[in-house]
Amino acid sequence: MPAKSLCRQQSPSALSGEIPPELGNLTSLTELNLFNNQLTSEIPQELGNLTNLHVLRVSENQLTGEIPAGLGNLANLTELVLNENQLSGCLPSNLIGRLDDEISDLGGLPFCP
């Protein structure tokens, strides 16, 4: 049975470097938790392939760049946590109404027009 969740939260700052684009091949994932690490660079476009993803938490890292437009295609995404990074730009507008405002933290980024 394929893994449904990928978590790395046991030890703060345990992961460093870039988020591997190959994670986009794990299409059965429903939850991706990579918060509280030392991840750098941009969020890979390939994460937009995770069509079963409900939860994406990448807060408390050193991520930069804009949010990939492909994240807007994640029809099942209900929780997105991006705070405490150096992200810029805007969020895909087709995420409006999908995300749970009670648990999502968009790091102050607006939605695209």
C-alpha atoms as a PDB file:
ATOM      1  CA  MET A   1       0.000   0.000   0.000  1.00  0.00           C
ATOM      2  CA  PRO A   2       1.472   3.407  -0.949  1.00  0.00           C
ATOM      3  CA  ALA A   3       2.349   5.891   1.776  1.00  0.00           C
ATOM      4  CA  LYS A   4      -0.379   8.460   2.400  1.00  0.00           C
ATOM      5  CA  SER A   5       1.596  10.853   4.563  1.00  0.00           C
ATOM      6  CA  LEU A   6       5.144  12.153   4.578  1.00  0.00           C
ATOM      7  CA  CYS A   7       6.088  13.861   7.830  1.00  0.00           C
ATOM      8  CA  ARG A   8       9.323  15.253   9.138  1.00  0.00           C
ATOM      9  CA  GLN A   9       8.652  17.027  12.385  1.00  0.00           C
ATOM     10  CA  GLN A  10      10.258  14.956  15.127  1.00  0.00           C
ATOM     11  CA  SER A  11      13.462  16.953  15.286  1.00  0.00           C
ATOM     12  CA  PRO A  12      13.522  20.653  14.417  1.00  0.00           C
ATOM     13  CA  SER A  13      15.933  21.645  11.662  1.00  0.00           C
ATOM     14  CA  ALA A  14      16.618  18.031  10.681  1.00  0.00           C
ATOM     15  CA  LEU A  15      16.217  18.580   6.927  1.00  0.00           C
ATOM     16  CA  SER A  16      18.191  21.059   4.871  1.00  0.00           C
ATOM     17  CA  GLY A  17      18.607  21.917   1.214  1.00  0.00           C
ATOM     18  CA  GLU A  18      15.922  22.025  -1.452  1.00  0.00           C
ATOM     19  CA  ILE A  19      12.567  20.266  -1.436  1.00  0.00           C
ATOM     20  CA  PRO A  20      13.143  17.406  -3.902  1.00  0.00           C
ATOM     21  CA  PRO A  21      11.004  17.837  -7.037  1.00  0.00           C
ATOM     22  CA  GLU A  22      10.648  14.037  -7.066  1.00  0.00           C
ATOM     23  CA  LEU A  23       8.133  14.357  -4.208  1.00  0.00           C
ATOM     24  CA  GLY A  24       5.709  15.322  -6.971  1.00  0.00           C
ATOM     25  CA  ASN A  25       5.792  11.674  -8.101  1.00  0.00           C
ATOM     26  CA  LEU A  26       4.214  10.482  -4.826  1.00  0.00           C
ATOM     27  CA  THR A  27       0.702  11.046  -6.127  1.00  0.00           C
ATOM     28  CA  SER A  28      -0.954   8.973  -3.375  1.00  0.00           C
ATOM     29  CA  LEU A  29       0.169  11.425  -0.680  1.00  0.00           C
ATOM     30  CA  THR A  30      -2.635  13.091   1.217  1.00  0.00           C
ATOM     31  CA  GLU A  31      -0.433  14.987   3.682  1.00  0.00           C
ATOM     32  CA  LEU A  32       3.027  16.547   3.301  1.00  0.00           C
ATOM     33  CA  ASN A  33       4.585  17.964   6.473  1.00  0.00           C
ATOM     34  CA  LEU A  34       7.989  19.578   6.029  1.00  0.00           C
ATOM     35  CA  PHE A  35       7.704  22.381   8.574  1.00  0.00           C
ATOM     36  CA  ASN A  36      10.354  23.533  11.055  1.00  0.00           C
ATOM     37  CA  ASN A  37      13.446  22.591   9.048  1.00  0.00           C
ATOM     38  CA  GLN A  38      16.162  24.397   7.115  1.00  0.00           C
ATOM     39  CA  LEU A  39      14.711  23.929   3.632  1.00  0.00           C
ATOM     40  CA  THR A  40      15.804  26.506   1.067  1.00  0.00           C
ATOM     41  CA  SER A  41      15.058  27.516  -2.517  1.00  0.00           C
ATOM     42  CA  GLU A  42      11.586  27.493  -4.042  1.00  0.00           C
ATOM     43  CA  ILE A  43       8.569  25.236  -3.634  1.00  0.00           C
ATOM     44  CA  PRO A  44       8.906  22.867  -6.613  1.00  0.00           C
ATOM     45  CA  GLN A  45       6.323  23.111  -9.406  1.00  0.00           C
ATOM     46  CA  GLU A  46       6.080  19.320  -9.263  1.00  0.00           C
ATOM     47  CA  LEU A  47       4.146  19.473  -5.986  1.00  0.00           C
ATOM     48  CA  GLY A  48       1.232  20.525  -8.178  1.00  0.00           C
ATOM     49  CA  ASN A  49       1.079  16.858  -9.289  1.00  0.00           C
ATOM     50  CA  LEU A  50      -0.007  15.697  -5.819  1.00  0.00           C
ATOM     51  CA  THR A  51      -3.672  15.516  -6.760  1.00  0.00           C
ATOM     52  CA  ASN A  52      -4.701  13.651  -3.592  1.00  0.00           C
ATOM     53  CA  LEU A  53      -3.002  16.128  -1.255  1.00  0.00           C
ATOM     54  CA  HIS A  54      -5.216  17.555   1.513  1.00  0.00           C
ATOM     55  CA  VAL A  55      -2.511  19.104   3.715  1.00  0.00           C
ATOM     56  CA  LEU A  56       0.708  20.948   2.779  1.00  0.00           C
ATOM     57  CA  ARG A  57       2.768  22.362   5.639  1.00  0.00           C
ATOM     58  CA  VAL A  58       6.109  23.959   4.751  1.00  0.00           C
ATOM     59  CA  SER A  59       6.229  26.703   7.379  1.00  0.00           C
ATOM     60  CA  GLU A  60       9.286  27.647   9.441  1.00  0.00           C
ATOM     61  CA  ASN A  61      11.880  27.097   6.717  1.00  0.00           C
ATOM     62  CA  GLN A  62      13.897  29.410   4.482  1.00  0.00           C
ATOM     63  CA  LEU A  63      11.868  29.002   1.305  1.00  0.00           C
ATOM     64  CA  THR A  64      11.949  31.796  -1.270  1.00  0.00           C
ATOM     65  CA  GLY A  65      10.306  32.646  -4.564  1.00  0.00           C
ATOM     66  CA  GLU A  66       6.731  32.597  -5.707  1.00  0.00           C
ATOM     67  CA  ILE A  67       4.055  30.000  -5.018  1.00  0.00           C
ATOM     68  CA  PRO A  68       3.828  27.597  -7.978  1.00  0.00           C
ATOM     69  CA  ALA A  69       0.641  28.128  -9.967  1.00  0.00           C
ATOM     70  CA  GLY A  70       0.189  24.335 -10.066  1.00  0.00           C
ATOM     71  CA  LEU A  71      -0.768  24.325  -6.389  1.00  0.00           C
ATOM     72  CA  GLY A  72      -4.038  25.858  -7.524  1.00  0.00           C
ATOM     73  CA  ASN A  73      -4.841  22.572  -9.286  1.00  0.00           C
ATOM     74  CA  LEU A  74      -4.850  20.628  -6.020  1.00  0.00           C
ATOM     75  CA  ALA A  75      -8.621  20.230  -5.768  1.00  0.00           C
ATOM     76  CA  ASN A  76      -8.412  18.335  -2.445  1.00  0.00           C
ATOM     77  CA  LEU A  77      -6.120  20.817  -0.673  1.00  0.00           C
ATOM     78  CA  THR A  78      -7.830  22.185   2.449  1.00  0.00           C
ATOM     79  CA  GLU A  79      -4.855  23.109   4.639  1.00  0.00           C
ATOM     80  CA  LEU A  80      -1.915  25.203   3.433  1.00  0.00           C
ATOM     81  CA  VAL A  81       0.663  26.462   5.938  1.00  0.00           C
ATOM     82  CA  LEU A  82       3.386  28.722   4.512  1.00  0.00           C
ATOM     83  CA  ASN A  83       4.279  31.165   7.298  1.00  0.00           C
ATOM     84  CA  GLU A  84       7.817  31.983   8.449  1.00  0.00           C
ATOM     85  CA  ASN A  85       9.477  31.766   5.031  1.00  0.00           C
ATOM     86  CA  GLN A  86      10.595  34.421   2.558  1.00  0.00           C
ATOM     87  CA  LEU A  87       7.957  33.654  -0.077  1.00  0.00           C
ATOM     88  CA  SER A  88       6.701  36.324  -2.458  1.00  0.00           C
ATOM     89  CA  GLY A  89       4.032  36.904  -5.050  1.00  0.00           C
ATOM     90  CA  CYS A  90       0.474  35.710  -4.692  1.00  0.00           C
ATOM     91  CA  LEU A  91      -1.491  32.499  -4.248  1.00  0.00           C
ATOM     92  CA  PRO A  92      -3.442  30.910  -7.102  1.00  0.00           C
ATOM     93  CA  SER A  93      -6.932  32.380  -6.970  1.00  0.00           C
ATOM     94  CA  ASN A  94      -8.573  28.991  -7.512  1.00  0.00           C
ATOM     95  CA  LEU A  95      -7.592  28.125  -3.915  1.00  0.00           C
ATOM     96  CA  ILE A  96     -10.124  30.690  -2.671  1.00  0.00           C
ATOM     97  CA  GLY A  97     -12.908  28.890  -0.844  1.00  0.00           C
ATOM     98  CA  ARG A  98     -11.018  25.576  -0.661  1.00  0.00           C
ATOM     99  CA  LEU A  99      -8.709  26.337   2.238  1.00  0.00           C
ATOM    100  CA  ASP A 100      -9.833  26.090   5.847  1.00  0.00           C
ATOM    101  CA  ASP A 101      -9.200  29.551   7.290  1.00  0.00           C
ATOM    102  CA  GLU A 102      -9.044  28.148  10.827  1.00  0.00           C
ATOM    103  CA  ILE A 103      -5.951  26.028  10.188  1.00  0.00           C
ATOM    104  CA  SER A 104      -4.287  27.494   7.094  1.00  0.00           C
ATOM    105  CA  ASP A 105      -1.607  30.184   7.439  1.00  0.00           C
ATOM    106  CA  LEU A 106      -0.733  31.809   4.147  1.00  0.00           C
ATOM    107  CA  GLY A 107       2.160  33.843   5.516  1.00  0.00           C
ATOM    108  CA  GLY A 108       0.480  37.113   4.604  1.00  0.00           C
ATOM    109  CA  LEU A 109       0.466  36.368   0.892  1.00  0.00           C
ATOM    110  CA  PRO A 110      -2.544  37.651  -1.047  1.00  0.00           C
ATOM    111  CA  PHE A 111      -4.521  35.760  -3.646  1.00  0.00           C
ATOM    112  CA  CYS A 112      -3.769  36.560  -7.270  1.00  0.00           C
ATOM    113  CA  PRO A 113      -6.358  38.681  -9.096  1.00  0.00           C
END
